[in-house]
Amino acid sequence: MSAATTAVVKSEFRLFTREPGGIFWILAFPTILLVILGSIPSFREADDSLGGLRMVDAYVPVTVLLAMIMAGGQSMPPVITGYRERGILRRMSTTPVRPTSLLAAQMGLHGAAALLSALLSLVVGRIAFDVPLPRMAFGYVVALALAICAALAMGALVSALSRTSKIATAIGSAVFFPSMFTAGVWLPVQSMPETLARIVEFTPFGAASQALYEAAAGDWPGWAHLGVLALWTVVLTYGAARWFRWE
């Protein structure tokens, strides 16, 4: 990593840590939601529709995905679009620090924040509600990595399609609620009617929810679910590269 790129990463990290809203919604809110739901007595009882698991067990992957949705759909696009709107990306293109360094720094920081939030949800779930840690750890990591890539690719596409930060916020909000639904925030994918669950599994966060759930139960994530995640990542990345403008 060049000195210029390192300086960009350090600068973006300082700016990121000065945004309490982004830190709260990515790092704290998913875990707070898990604690609230886990405090409901019925959520700590075995559910036959979940194969004997408790609802709180099913919601750990949901809160893991919620952090990614917050990072990719809500937090990152307004920042990148704001840089373009203020001409920062255009000015950077004439310096040794390329705009791609700033984009990479933003994606890396938001990806790291989503990963840290995922670890926090797993630890709190284990300590507070005795939720077992993923039994297929490597498969869980693979599914987690693909889900983060898909979320960041989604954020990059929103950034590419938005001319201003206000538009980025509006598009991000329009994407946010369907993403939460497919991730299982209102109803875990595993508890959805079979037809609806099949449809949701073709979305990035629906597939991610199922893949994380399978790995947590000790099985290798279904190749179909991993394939859906990889395909969405490729398609969203291509769209972002195709339509992204520096100014």
Foldseek 3Di string as FASTA:
>chain_A
DDPLLVVLLVVVVVVVVVDVVLLCQQAPVLLVVLVVQLVPVQQLFFDVLLVRHGNSLLSLQLSLLSNLLCLQLANLQLVLLACLLVCVQVVCCVDPRHSVSNLVSSLVVSLVSSVNNSVVSQVCCCVVNVRAAFQQVVLLVLLSVLSNLLSNLNSLLLNLVDNHSVSSNVVSVVVRVVLSVLLQVPHRLSNDPPVVSVVSLLDLNNLSSQSNSQRSVPHRRDPVSSVSSVVSSVVSNVSSVVRHDSD
